[in-house]
Amino acid sequence: MTRRSSQTPGPVRVRVPGKINLHLSVGDLRADGYHDLVTVFHAVDLVDELTISPAERHTVSTEGASAAVPTGGKNLAGAAARLLAKRTKAGGPVAIQISKQIPVAGGMAGGSADAAGALLGCAALWGLELTRDQLSEIAAELGSDVPFALAGGTAVGTGRGERLSPVLARTPLHWVLALADGGLSTPAVFAELDRLRSHADPPRVAGVQDMLTALSSGDPAQVGAALGNDLQAAAISLQPGLRRTLRAGLAAGALGGVVSGSGPTVALLCADPAAAAEVAAELAGSGTCRSVRVASGPAPGARVIG
């Protein structure tokens, strides 16, 4: 039974990070339509901010995002609020305003981040005394990446990605994120990977231990060399220009590059903040991406900021 503390009368603000997949190995298609995954999630300080207020009916509005953001019942943040109310028999309708920095359909789990932020914010608004583990159980019902958005940091994800084991990353990592024109549908990228594998099995990433060893070394160059994503070939097949973006980033001095998740955001690891600024400046003028962002990690998970 959910305990309640005093309900917060006014708006609750929550900040929640985007993620990069430092490593993502994808198993073959299972009979149930899913794939077994082993991934290393890494939260970065490119964030969405949610403001959650009591309302007469559930609404979700966004700023800083394209029309591609789902609305109404299809928006994961709104779905998260309704699911939490159902599971806890608490709370009422809320208005959720989302200020977005995480790219939409960009492989950085922006929708999942918003769902995590809504769970945490509604729990605070309604005065629910829920542990992070209890919130994570509900989060897993919403999507595979939602529990990690709650947790943040760096973690190994298994199953569909929802089973998490924290990883101690010994040093901050500095990134240039190349944002593409348009997004990619995660189901479409997985379907393309299955199609590629049915014709000629593309190379698969090495085991996760290489990345864990690199992270424990504290050497960004080792981390850059260990970056890998089985979905990258499928994302490039659907958006061939991503290959040019990766090449341009490496030519500009990045230590390594990878398509994040299902793409099309390209994450380029740099030696330090100064190197990231140089790579970002050169990449911005290369004509190979829509825009660039500089970010660092590991960043904390969803947190109430006001």
C-alpha atoms as a PDB file:
ATOM      1  CA  MET A   1       0.000   0.000   0.000  1.00  0.00           C
ATOM      2  CA  THR A   2       1.372   3.391  -0.964  1.00  0.00           C
ATOM      3  CA  ARG A   3       2.027   5.768   1.906  1.00  0.00           C
ATOM      4  CA  ARG A   4       1.369   9.478   1.437  1.00  0.00           C
ATOM      5  CA  SER A   5       3.130  12.474   2.813  1.00  0.00           C
ATOM      6  CA  SER A   6       1.930  16.050   2.403  1.00  0.00           C
ATOM      7  CA  GLN A   7       0.799  16.821  -1.125  1.00  0.00           C
ATOM      8  CA  THR A   8       2.700  19.539  -2.988  1.00  0.00           C
ATOM      9  CA  PRO A   9       0.143  22.276  -3.798  1.00  0.00           C
ATOM     10  CA  GLY A  10       1.973  24.003  -6.619  1.00  0.00           C
ATOM     11  CA  PRO A  11       3.822  22.974  -9.787  1.00  0.00           C
ATOM     12  CA  VAL A  12       6.671  20.471  -9.547  1.00  0.00           C
ATOM     13  CA  ARG A  13       9.666  20.841 -11.859  1.00  0.00           C
ATOM     14  CA  VAL A  14      11.720  17.820 -12.880  1.00  0.00           C
ATOM     15  CA  ARG A  15      14.890  17.579 -14.939  1.00  0.00           C
ATOM     16  CA  VAL A  16      15.703  14.315 -16.728  1.00  0.00           C
ATOM     17  CA  PRO A  17      18.670  13.333 -18.949  1.00  0.00           C
ATOM     18  CA  GLY A  18      19.047  11.891 -22.392  1.00  0.00           C
ATOM     19  CA  LYS A  19      21.177   8.802 -22.902  1.00  0.00           C
ATOM     20  CA  ILE A  20      23.828   7.412 -25.200  1.00  0.00           C
ATOM     21  CA  ASN A  21      24.342   3.685 -25.735  1.00  0.00           C
ATOM     22  CA  LEU A  22      28.092   3.172 -25.385  1.00  0.00           C
ATOM     23  CA  HIS A  23      27.594  -0.480 -26.267  1.00  0.00           C
ATOM     24  CA  LEU A  24      24.529  -2.171 -27.724  1.00  0.00           C
ATOM     25  CA  SER A  25      24.468  -5.806 -28.779  1.00  0.00           C
ATOM     26  CA  VAL A  26      21.201  -7.093 -30.238  1.00  0.00           C
ATOM     27  CA  GLY A  27      20.278 -10.768 -30.241  1.00  0.00           C
ATOM     28  CA  ASP A  28      18.335 -12.439 -33.021  1.00  0.00           C
ATOM     29  CA  LEU A  29      14.587 -11.954 -33.355  1.00  0.00           C
ATOM     30  CA  ARG A  30      12.703 -14.060 -30.810  1.00  0.00           C
ATOM     31  CA  ALA A  31       9.384 -15.813 -31.350  1.00  0.00           C
ATOM     32  CA  ASP A  32       7.633 -13.115 -29.279  1.00  0.00           C
ATOM     33  CA  GLY A  33       8.898 -10.359 -31.575  1.00  0.00           C
ATOM     34  CA  TYR A  34      11.517  -9.003 -29.161  1.00  0.00           C
ATOM     35  CA  HIS A  35      15.307  -9.144 -29.156  1.00  0.00           C
ATOM     36  CA  ASP A  36      17.581  -9.867 -26.220  1.00  0.00           C
ATOM     37  CA  LEU A  37      19.752  -6.824 -25.575  1.00  0.00           C
ATOM     38  CA  VAL A  38      22.960  -6.134 -23.709  1.00  0.00           C
ATOM     39  CA  THR A  39      23.707  -2.436 -23.532  1.00  0.00           C
ATOM     40  CA  VAL A  40      25.743   0.099 -21.599  1.00  0.00           C
ATOM     41  CA  PHE A  41      23.593   3.154 -20.955  1.00  0.00           C
ATOM     42  CA  HIS A  42      25.297   6.479 -20.283  1.00  0.00           C
ATOM     43  CA  ALA A  43      23.274   9.522 -19.200  1.00  0.00           C
ATOM     44  CA  VAL A  44      24.368  12.933 -20.499  1.00  0.00           C
ATOM     45  CA  ASP A  45      23.510  16.469 -19.463  1.00  0.00           C
ATOM     46  CA  LEU A  46      21.350  17.179 -22.509  1.00  0.00           C
ATOM     47  CA  VAL A  47      18.071  17.317 -20.587  1.00  0.00           C
ATOM     48  CA  ASP A  48      14.335  17.789 -20.813  1.00  0.00           C
ATOM     49  CA  GLU A  49      12.584  19.795 -18.098  1.00  0.00           C
ATOM     50  CA  LEU A  50       9.001  19.031 -17.068  1.00  0.00           C
ATOM     51  CA  THR A  51       6.613  21.260 -15.123  1.00  0.00           C
ATOM     52  CA  ILE A  52       3.706  19.304 -13.645  1.00  0.00           C
ATOM     53  CA  SER A  53       0.633  21.025 -12.199  1.00  0.00           C
ATOM     54  CA  PRO A  54      -2.818  19.936 -10.980  1.00  0.00           C
ATOM     55  CA  ALA A  55      -5.414  20.379 -13.714  1.00  0.00           C
ATOM     56  CA  GLU A  56      -9.026  19.664 -14.628  1.00  0.00           C
ATOM     57  CA  ARG A  57      -7.940  17.100 -17.215  1.00  0.00           C
ATOM     58  CA  HIS A  58      -4.740  15.413 -18.352  1.00  0.00           C
ATOM     59  CA  THR A  59      -2.803  17.477 -20.908  1.00  0.00           C
ATOM     60  CA  VAL A  60       0.745  17.421 -22.293  1.00  0.00           C
ATOM     61  CA  SER A  61       2.338  20.337 -24.136  1.00  0.00           C
ATOM     62  CA  THR A  62       5.878  20.711 -25.446  1.00  0.00           C
ATOM     63  CA  GLU A  63       8.173  23.518 -26.458  1.00  0.00           C
ATOM     64  CA  GLY A  64      11.466  23.289 -28.295  1.00  0.00           C
ATOM     65  CA  ALA A  65      10.336  20.261 -30.297  1.00  0.00           C
ATOM     66  CA  SER A  66       8.910  19.478 -33.695  1.00  0.00           C
ATOM     67  CA  ALA A  67       5.376  18.420 -34.511  1.00  0.00           C
ATOM     68  CA  ALA A  68       6.650  14.840 -34.392  1.00  0.00           C
ATOM     69  CA  VAL A  69       6.187  14.774 -30.602  1.00  0.00           C
ATOM     70  CA  PRO A  70       3.170  12.567 -29.813  1.00  0.00           C
ATOM     71  CA  THR A  71       0.225  14.281 -28.143  1.00  0.00           C
ATOM     72  CA  GLY A  72      -2.636  13.151 -25.942  1.00  0.00           C
ATOM     73  CA  GLY A  73      -2.701   9.517 -24.899  1.00  0.00           C
ATOM     74  CA  LYS A  74       0.218   8.659 -27.194  1.00  0.00           C
ATOM     75  CA  ASN A  75       2.640  10.843 -25.241  1.00  0.00           C
ATOM     76  CA  LEU A  76       4.603   8.718 -22.790  1.00  0.00           C
ATOM     77  CA  ALA A  77       4.673  11.442 -20.145  1.00  0.00           C
ATOM     78  CA  GLY A  78       0.885  11.561 -20.060  1.00  0.00           C
ATOM     79  CA  ALA A  79       0.707   7.764 -20.083  1.00  0.00           C
ATOM     80  CA  ALA A  80       3.108   7.688 -17.131  1.00  0.00           C
ATOM     81  CA  ALA A  81       0.932  10.047 -15.080  1.00  0.00           C
ATOM     82  CA  ARG A  82      -2.178   7.980 -15.718  1.00  0.00           C
ATOM     83  CA  LEU A  83      -0.408   4.686 -14.985  1.00  0.00           C
ATOM     84  CA  LEU A  84       0.982   5.974 -11.684  1.00  0.00           C
ATOM     85  CA  ALA A  85      -2.476   7.164 -10.633  1.00  0.00           C
ATOM     86  CA  LYS A  86      -3.932   3.770 -11.532  1.00  0.00           C
ATOM     87  CA  ARG A  87      -1.246   1.786  -9.694  1.00  0.00           C
ATOM     88  CA  THR A  88      -1.339   3.887  -6.520  1.00  0.00           C
ATOM     89  CA  LYS A  89      -5.028   4.906  -6.494  1.00  0.00           C
ATOM     90  CA  ALA A  90      -3.791   8.438  -5.860  1.00  0.00           C
ATOM     91  CA  GLY A  91      -3.644  11.776  -7.577  1.00  0.00           C
ATOM     92  CA  GLY A  92      -5.756  13.387 -10.221  1.00  0.00           C
ATOM     93  CA  PRO A  93      -5.430  14.980 -13.658  1.00  0.00           C
ATOM     94  CA  VAL A  94      -2.259  16.953 -14.340  1.00  0.00           C
ATOM     95  CA  ALA A  95      -0.985  19.399 -16.931  1.00  0.00           C
ATOM     96  CA  ILE A  96       2.519  18.484 -18.063  1.00  0.00           C
ATOM     97  CA  GLN A  97       4.634  21.088 -19.837  1.00  0.00           C
ATOM     98  CA  ILE A  98       7.843  19.770 -21.403  1.00  0.00           C
ATOM     99  CA  SER A  99      10.756  21.957 -22.435  1.00  0.00           C
ATOM    100  CA  LYS A 100      12.761  19.707 -24.755  1.00  0.00           C
ATOM    101  CA  GLN A 101      16.464  19.604 -25.487  1.00  0.00           C
ATOM    102  CA  ILE A 102      16.696  15.843 -26.110  1.00  0.00           C
ATOM    103  CA  PRO A 103      16.101  15.235 -29.834  1.00  0.00           C
ATOM    104  CA  VAL A 104      12.814  13.635 -30.870  1.00  0.00           C
ATOM    105  CA  ALA A 105      13.170  10.130 -32.360  1.00  0.00           C
ATOM    106  CA  GLY A 106      16.926  10.625 -32.102  1.00  0.00           C
ATOM    107  CA  GLY A 107      18.051   7.456 -30.322  1.00  0.00           C
ATOM    108  CA  MET A 108      18.565   9.278 -27.007  1.00  0.00           C
ATOM    109  CA  ALA A 109      15.369   8.082 -25.278  1.00  0.00           C
ATOM    110  CA  GLY A 110      13.692  11.484 -25.126  1.00  0.00           C
ATOM    111  CA  GLY A 111      10.194  10.028 -24.795  1.00  0.00           C
ATOM    112  CA  SER A 112      11.362   7.589 -22.139  1.00  0.00           C
ATOM    113  CA  ALA A 113      13.062  10.425 -20.273  1.00  0.00           C
ATOM    114  CA  ASP A 114       9.820  12.399 -20.244  1.00  0.00           C
ATOM    115  CA  ALA A 115       7.944   9.360 -18.909  1.00  0.00           C
ATOM    116  CA  ALA A 116      10.493   8.995 -16.097  1.00  0.00           C
ATOM    117  CA  GLY A 117      10.208  12.687 -15.297  1.00  0.00           C
ATOM    118  CA  ALA A 118       6.420  12.457 -15.187  1.00  0.00           C
ATOM    119  CA  LEU A 119       6.536   9.493 -12.797  1.00  0.00           C
ATOM    120  CA  LEU A 120       8.884  11.266 -10.413  1.00  0.00           C
ATOM    121  CA  GLY A 121       7.107  14.603 -10.667  1.00  0.00           C
ATOM    122  CA  CYS A 122       3.618  13.196 -10.149  1.00  0.00           C
ATOM    123  CA  ALA A 123       4.829  11.169  -7.151  1.00  0.00           C
ATOM    124  CA  ALA A 124       6.142  14.406  -5.619  1.00  0.00           C
ATOM    125  CA  LEU A 125       3.019  16.381  -6.543  1.00  0.00           C
ATOM    126  CA  TRP A 126       0.736  13.765  -4.998  1.00  0.00           C
ATOM    127  CA  GLY A 127       2.874  13.236  -1.914  1.00  0.00           C
ATOM    128  CA  LEU A 128       3.587   9.549  -2.652  1.00  0.00           C
ATOM    129  CA  GLU A 129       6.395   7.983  -0.644  1.00  0.00           C
ATOM    130  CA  LEU A 130       7.674   5.605  -3.309  1.00  0.00           C
ATOM    131  CA  THR A 131      11.189   4.219  -3.467  1.00  0.00           C
ATOM    132  CA  ARG A 132      13.174   4.389  -6.691  1.00  0.00           C
ATOM    133  CA  ASP A 133      12.780   0.606  -6.997  1.00  0.00           C
ATOM    134  CA  GLN A 134       9.000   0.931  -6.802  1.00  0.00           C
ATOM    135  CA  LEU A 135       9.034   3.684  -9.427  1.00  0.00           C
ATOM    136  CA  SER A 136      11.330   1.579 -11.616  1.00  0.00           C
ATOM    137  CA  GLU A 137       8.862  -1.315 -11.582  1.00  0.00           C
ATOM    138  CA  ILE A 138       6.173   0.995 -12.913  1.00  0.00           C
ATOM    139  CA  ALA A 139       8.655   2.579 -15.338  1.00  0.00           C
ATOM    140  CA  ALA A 140       9.426  -0.807 -16.917  1.00  0.00           C
ATOM    141  CA  GLU A 141       5.760  -1.127 -17.901  1.00  0.00           C
ATOM    142  CA  LEU A 142       6.075   2.057 -19.961  1.00  0.00           C
ATOM    143  CA  GLY A 143       9.213   1.191 -21.926  1.00  0.00           C
ATOM    144  CA  SER A 144      12.609  -0.470 -21.821  1.00  0.00           C
ATOM    145  CA  ASP A 145      14.580   2.784 -21.422  1.00  0.00           C
ATOM    146  CA  VAL A 146      12.365   4.420 -18.770  1.00  0.00           C
ATOM    147  CA  PRO A 147      13.994   2.770 -15.711  1.00  0.00           C
ATOM    148  CA  PHE A 148      17.423   4.024 -16.798  1.00  0.00           C
ATOM    149  CA  ALA A 149      16.144   7.584 -17.217  1.00  0.00           C
ATOM    150  CA  LEU A 150      15.109   7.414 -13.562  1.00  0.00           C
ATOM    151  CA  ALA A 151      18.486   6.030 -12.487  1.00  0.00           C
ATOM    152  CA  GLY A 152      20.950   7.979 -14.645  1.00  0.00           C
ATOM    153  CA  GLY A 153      24.706   7.539 -14.396  1.00  0.00           C
ATOM    154  CA  THR A 154      26.165   4.614 -16.341  1.00  0.00           C
ATOM    155  CA  ALA A 155      24.638   1.135 -16.216  1.00  0.00           C
ATOM    156  CA  VAL A 156      24.493  -2.211 -17.995  1.00  0.00           C
ATOM    157  CA  GLY A 157      21.004  -3.015 -19.246  1.00  0.00           C
ATOM    158  CA  THR A 158      19.882  -6.551 -20.082  1.00  0.00           C
ATOM    159  CA  GLY A 159      16.645  -8.257 -21.104  1.00  0.00           C
ATOM    160  CA  ARG A 160      14.872  -5.577 -23.139  1.00  0.00           C
ATOM    161  CA  GLY A 161      17.220  -3.070 -21.461  1.00  0.00           C
ATOM    162  CA  GLU A 162      15.070  -2.630 -18.359  1.00  0.00           C
ATOM    163  CA  ARG A 163      17.189  -4.776 -15.985  1.00  0.00           C
ATOM    164  CA  LEU A 164      19.956  -2.480 -14.753  1.00  0.00           C
ATOM    165  CA  SER A 165      23.312  -2.985 -13.035  1.00  0.00           C
ATOM    166  CA  PRO A 166      25.189   0.245 -12.181  1.00  0.00           C
ATOM    167  CA  VAL A 167      28.679   0.758 -13.615  1.00  0.00           C
ATOM    168  CA  LEU A 168      31.299   2.902 -11.925  1.00  0.00           C
ATOM    169  CA  ALA A 169      32.697   5.228 -14.598  1.00  0.00           C
ATOM    170  CA  ARG A 170      36.002   6.608 -13.336  1.00  0.00           C
ATOM    171  CA  THR A 171      36.173   9.758 -15.401  1.00  0.00           C
ATOM    172  CA  PRO A 172      33.770  12.256 -17.034  1.00  0.00           C
ATOM    173  CA  LEU A 173      33.216  11.732 -20.747  1.00  0.00           C
ATOM    174  CA  HIS A 174      32.863  14.675 -23.139  1.00  0.00           C
ATOM    175  CA  TRP A 175      30.669  14.381 -26.213  1.00  0.00           C
ATOM    176  CA  VAL A 176      29.697  16.149 -29.385  1.00  0.00           C
ATOM    177  CA  LEU A 177      26.197  15.127 -30.464  1.00  0.00           C
ATOM    178  CA  ALA A 178      25.415  15.506 -34.152  1.00  0.00           C
ATOM    179  CA  LEU A 179      21.668  15.921 -34.625  1.00  0.00           C
ATOM    180  CA  ALA A 180      20.191  14.811 -37.924  1.00  0.00           C
ATOM    181  CA  ASP A 181      17.351  16.166 -40.022  1.00  0.00           C
ATOM    182  CA  GLY A 182      14.315  14.081 -39.133  1.00  0.00           C
ATOM    183  CA  GLY A 183      14.166  11.071 -36.844  1.00  0.00           C
ATOM    184  CA  LEU A 184      14.164   7.308 -37.071  1.00  0.00           C
ATOM    185  CA  SER A 185      11.478   4.972 -35.791  1.00  0.00           C
ATOM    186  CA  THR A 186      12.916   2.441 -33.343  1.00  0.00           C
ATOM    187  CA  PRO A 187      10.679  -0.410 -34.645  1.00  0.00           C
ATOM    188  CA  ALA A 188      11.721   0.444 -38.216  1.00  0.00           C
ATOM    189  CA  VAL A 189      15.423   0.260 -37.311  1.00  0.00           C
ATOM    190  CA  PHE A 190      15.015  -3.109 -35.592  1.00  0.00           C
ATOM    191  CA  ALA A 191      13.052  -4.362 -38.610  1.00  0.00           C
ATOM    192  CA  GLU A 192      15.838  -3.187 -40.913  1.00  0.00           C
ATOM    193  CA  LEU A 193      18.416  -4.997 -38.782  1.00  0.00           C
ATOM    194  CA  ASP A 194      16.363  -8.200 -39.060  1.00  0.00           C
ATOM    195  CA  ARG A 195      16.181  -7.693 -42.837  1.00  0.00           C
ATOM    196  CA  LEU A 196      19.945  -7.167 -43.116  1.00  0.00           C
ATOM    197  CA  ARG A 197      20.630 -10.252 -41.026  1.00  0.00           C
ATOM    198  CA  SER A 198      18.284 -12.361 -43.144  1.00  0.00           C
ATOM    199  CA  HIS A 199      20.362 -11.570 -46.239  1.00  0.00           C
ATOM    200  CA  ALA A 200      23.957 -11.359 -45.019  1.00  0.00           C
ATOM    201  CA  ASP A 201      24.757 -11.189 -41.323  1.00  0.00           C
ATOM    202  CA  PRO A 202      26.485  -7.825 -40.772  1.00  0.00           C
ATOM    203  CA  PRO A 203      29.376  -7.657 -38.288  1.00  0.00           C
ATOM    204  CA  ARG A 204      28.310  -7.748 -34.654  1.00  0.00           C
ATOM    205  CA  VAL A 205      29.830  -5.764 -31.821  1.00  0.00           C
ATOM    206  CA  ALA A 206      32.267  -7.419 -29.432  1.00  0.00           C
ATOM    207  CA  GLY A 207      31.221  -8.514 -25.968  1.00  0.00           C
ATOM    208  CA  VAL A 208      30.270  -5.939 -23.352  1.00  0.00           C
ATOM    209  CA  GLN A 209      33.376  -6.671 -21.292  1.00  0.00           C
ATOM    210  CA  ASP A 210      35.528  -4.576 -23.642  1.00  0.00           C
ATOM    211  CA  MET A 211      33.486  -1.484 -22.804  1.00  0.00           C
ATOM    212  CA  LEU A 212      33.418  -2.237 -19.073  1.00  0.00           C
ATOM    213  CA  THR A 213      37.204  -2.628 -19.071  1.00  0.00           C
ATOM    214  CA  ALA A 214      37.586   0.658 -20.955  1.00  0.00           C
ATOM    215  CA  LEU A 215      35.330   2.485 -18.498  1.00  0.00           C
ATOM    216  CA  SER A 216      37.223   1.104 -15.517  1.00  0.00           C
ATOM    217  CA  SER A 217      40.517   2.286 -17.042  1.00  0.00           C
ATOM    218  CA  GLY A 218      39.421   5.920 -16.945  1.00  0.00           C
ATOM    219  CA  ASP A 219      40.998   6.442 -20.388  1.00  0.00           C
ATOM    220  CA  PRO A 220      38.633   8.154 -22.872  1.00  0.00           C
ATOM    221  CA  ALA A 221      40.673   6.813 -25.794  1.00  0.00           C
ATOM    222  CA  GLN A 222      39.946   3.242 -24.671  1.00  0.00           C
ATOM    223  CA  VAL A 223      36.261   4.065 -24.335  1.00  0.00           C
ATOM    224  CA  GLY A 224      36.246   5.576 -27.819  1.00  0.00           C
ATOM    225  CA  ALA A 225      37.823   2.447 -29.282  1.00  0.00           C
ATOM    226  CA  ALA A 226      35.244   0.211 -27.575  1.00  0.00           C
ATOM    227  CA  LEU A 227      32.128   2.083 -28.771  1.00  0.00           C
ATOM    228  CA  GLY A 228      29.803  -0.222 -30.707  1.00  0.00           C
ATOM    229  CA  ASN A 229      26.157  -0.631 -31.684  1.00  0.00           C
ATOM    230  CA  ASP A 230      24.554  -3.487 -33.616  1.00  0.00           C
ATOM    231  CA  LEU A 231      21.760  -1.122 -34.724  1.00  0.00           C
ATOM    232  CA  GLN A 232      24.232   1.228 -36.413  1.00  0.00           C
ATOM    233  CA  ALA A 233      24.281  -0.709 -39.700  1.00  0.00           C
ATOM    234  CA  ALA A 234      20.483  -0.598 -39.873  1.00  0.00           C
ATOM    235  CA  ALA A 235      20.339   3.119 -39.048  1.00  0.00           C
ATOM    236  CA  ILE A 236      22.912   3.869 -41.760  1.00  0.00           C
ATOM    237  CA  SER A 237      20.988   1.688 -44.209  1.00  0.00           C
ATOM    238  CA  LEU A 238      17.910   3.866 -43.604  1.00  0.00           C
ATOM    239  CA  GLN A 239      19.858   7.159 -43.453  1.00  0.00           C
ATOM    240  CA  PRO A 240      23.099   6.715 -45.453  1.00  0.00           C
ATOM    241  CA  GLY A 241      24.218  10.267 -44.626  1.00  0.00           C
ATOM    242  CA  LEU A 242      25.044   9.116 -41.085  1.00  0.00           C
ATOM    243  CA  ARG A 243      28.200   7.503 -42.465  1.00  0.00           C
ATOM    244  CA  ARG A 244      29.418  10.935 -43.588  1.00  0.00           C
ATOM    245  CA  THR A 245      28.638  12.396 -40.166  1.00  0.00           C
ATOM    246  CA  LEU A 246      30.692   9.715 -38.428  1.00  0.00           C
ATOM    247  CA  ARG A 247      33.608  10.202 -40.806  1.00  0.00           C
ATOM    248  CA  ALA A 248      33.505  13.986 -40.423  1.00  0.00           C
ATOM    249  CA  GLY A 249      33.537  13.717 -36.631  1.00  0.00           C
ATOM    250  CA  LEU A 250      36.503  11.354 -36.596  1.00  0.00           C
ATOM    251  CA  ALA A 251      38.346  13.529 -39.103  1.00  0.00           C
ATOM    252  CA  ALA A 252      37.741  16.527 -36.817  1.00  0.00           C
ATOM    253  CA  GLY A 253      39.545  14.772 -33.970  1.00  0.00           C
ATOM    254  CA  ALA A 254      36.972  12.716 -32.083  1.00  0.00           C
ATOM    255  CA  LEU A 255      38.360   9.641 -30.272  1.00  0.00           C
ATOM    256  CA  GLY A 256      35.462   7.514 -31.474  1.00  0.00           C
ATOM    257  CA  GLY A 257      31.927   7.746 -32.732  1.00  0.00           C
ATOM    258  CA  VAL A 258      28.708   5.722 -32.648  1.00  0.00           C
ATOM    259  CA  VAL A 259      25.103   6.042 -33.677  1.00  0.00           C
ATOM    260  CA  SER A 260      23.217   6.313 -30.384  1.00  0.00           C
ATOM    261  CA  GLY A 261      20.565   3.645 -29.918  1.00  0.00           C
ATOM    262  CA  SER A 262      18.316   3.429 -32.959  1.00  0.00           C
ATOM    263  CA  GLY A 263      19.668   6.766 -34.231  1.00  0.00           C
ATOM    264  CA  PRO A 264      19.973   9.019 -36.023  1.00  0.00           C
ATOM    265  CA  THR A 265      21.903  11.062 -33.419  1.00  0.00           C
ATOM    266  CA  VAL A 266      25.655  10.469 -33.753  1.00  0.00           C
ATOM    267  CA  ALA A 267      27.651  10.619 -30.509  1.00  0.00           C
ATOM    268  CA  LEU A 268      31.329  11.571 -30.849  1.00  0.00           C
ATOM    269  CA  LEU A 269      33.610  11.102 -27.858  1.00  0.00           C
ATOM    270  CA  CYS A 270      36.319  13.715 -27.304  1.00  0.00           C
ATOM    271  CA  ALA A 271      39.378  13.850 -25.072  1.00  0.00           C
ATOM    272  CA  ASP A 272      38.312  16.861 -22.985  1.00  0.00           C
ATOM    273  CA  PRO A 273      36.020  19.923 -23.096  1.00  0.00           C
ATOM    274  CA  ALA A 274      38.426  21.909 -25.291  1.00  0.00           C
ATOM    275  CA  ALA A 275      38.626  19.085 -27.827  1.00  0.00           C
ATOM    276  CA  ALA A 276      34.832  18.787 -27.804  1.00  0.00           C
ATOM    277  CA  ALA A 277      34.491  22.492 -28.577  1.00  0.00           C
ATOM    278  CA  GLU A 278      36.902  22.147 -31.519  1.00  0.00           C
ATOM    279  CA  VAL A 279      35.154  19.062 -32.926  1.00  0.00           C
ATOM    280  CA  ALA A 280      31.757  20.739 -32.534  1.00  0.00           C
ATOM    281  CA  ALA A 281      32.908  23.845 -34.393  1.00  0.00           C
ATOM    282  CA  GLU A 282      34.358  21.851 -37.267  1.00  0.00           C
ATOM    283  CA  LEU A 283      31.403  19.486 -37.493  1.00  0.00           C
ATOM    284  CA  ALA A 284      28.930  22.376 -37.481  1.00  0.00           C
ATOM    285  CA  GLY A 285      30.554  23.680 -40.646  1.00  0.00           C
ATOM    286  CA  SER A 286      30.834  20.305 -42.374  1.00  0.00           C
ATOM    287  CA  GLY A 287      27.295  20.180 -43.744  1.00  0.00           C
ATOM    288  CA  THR A 288      26.863  16.621 -42.510  1.00  0.00           C
ATOM    289  CA  CYS A 289      24.264  17.258 -39.781  1.00  0.00           C
ATOM    290  CA  ARG A 290      21.483  19.678 -38.855  1.00  0.00           C
ATOM    291  CA  SER A 291      23.092  20.958 -35.663  1.00  0.00           C
ATOM    292  CA  VAL A 292      25.521  19.984 -32.930  1.00  0.00           C
ATOM    293  CA  ARG A 293      25.399  19.943 -29.134  1.00  0.00           C
ATOM    294  CA  VAL A 294      28.188  19.567 -26.610  1.00  0.00           C
ATOM    295  CA  ALA A 295      27.375  17.360 -23.598  1.00  0.00           C
ATOM    296  CA  SER A 296      29.082  15.412 -20.847  1.00  0.00           C
ATOM    297  CA  GLY A 297      28.306  12.425 -18.656  1.00  0.00           C
ATOM    298  CA  PRO A 298      27.598  10.560 -16.574  1.00  0.00           C
ATOM    299  CA  ALA A 299      24.675  12.754 -15.562  1.00  0.00           C
ATOM    300  CA  PRO A 300      22.217  12.102 -12.731  1.00  0.00           C
ATOM    301  CA  GLY A 301      18.844  10.564 -13.412  1.00  0.00           C
ATOM    302  CA  ALA A 302      15.462  12.243 -13.092  1.00  0.00           C
ATOM    303  CA  ARG A 303      15.356  14.660 -10.178  1.00  0.00           C
ATOM    304  CA  VAL A 304      12.965  17.217  -8.747  1.00  0.00           C
ATOM    305  CA  ILE A 305      14.456  20.699  -9.023  1.00  0.00           C
ATOM    306  CA  GLY A 306      11.564  22.816  -7.726  1.00  0.00           C
END
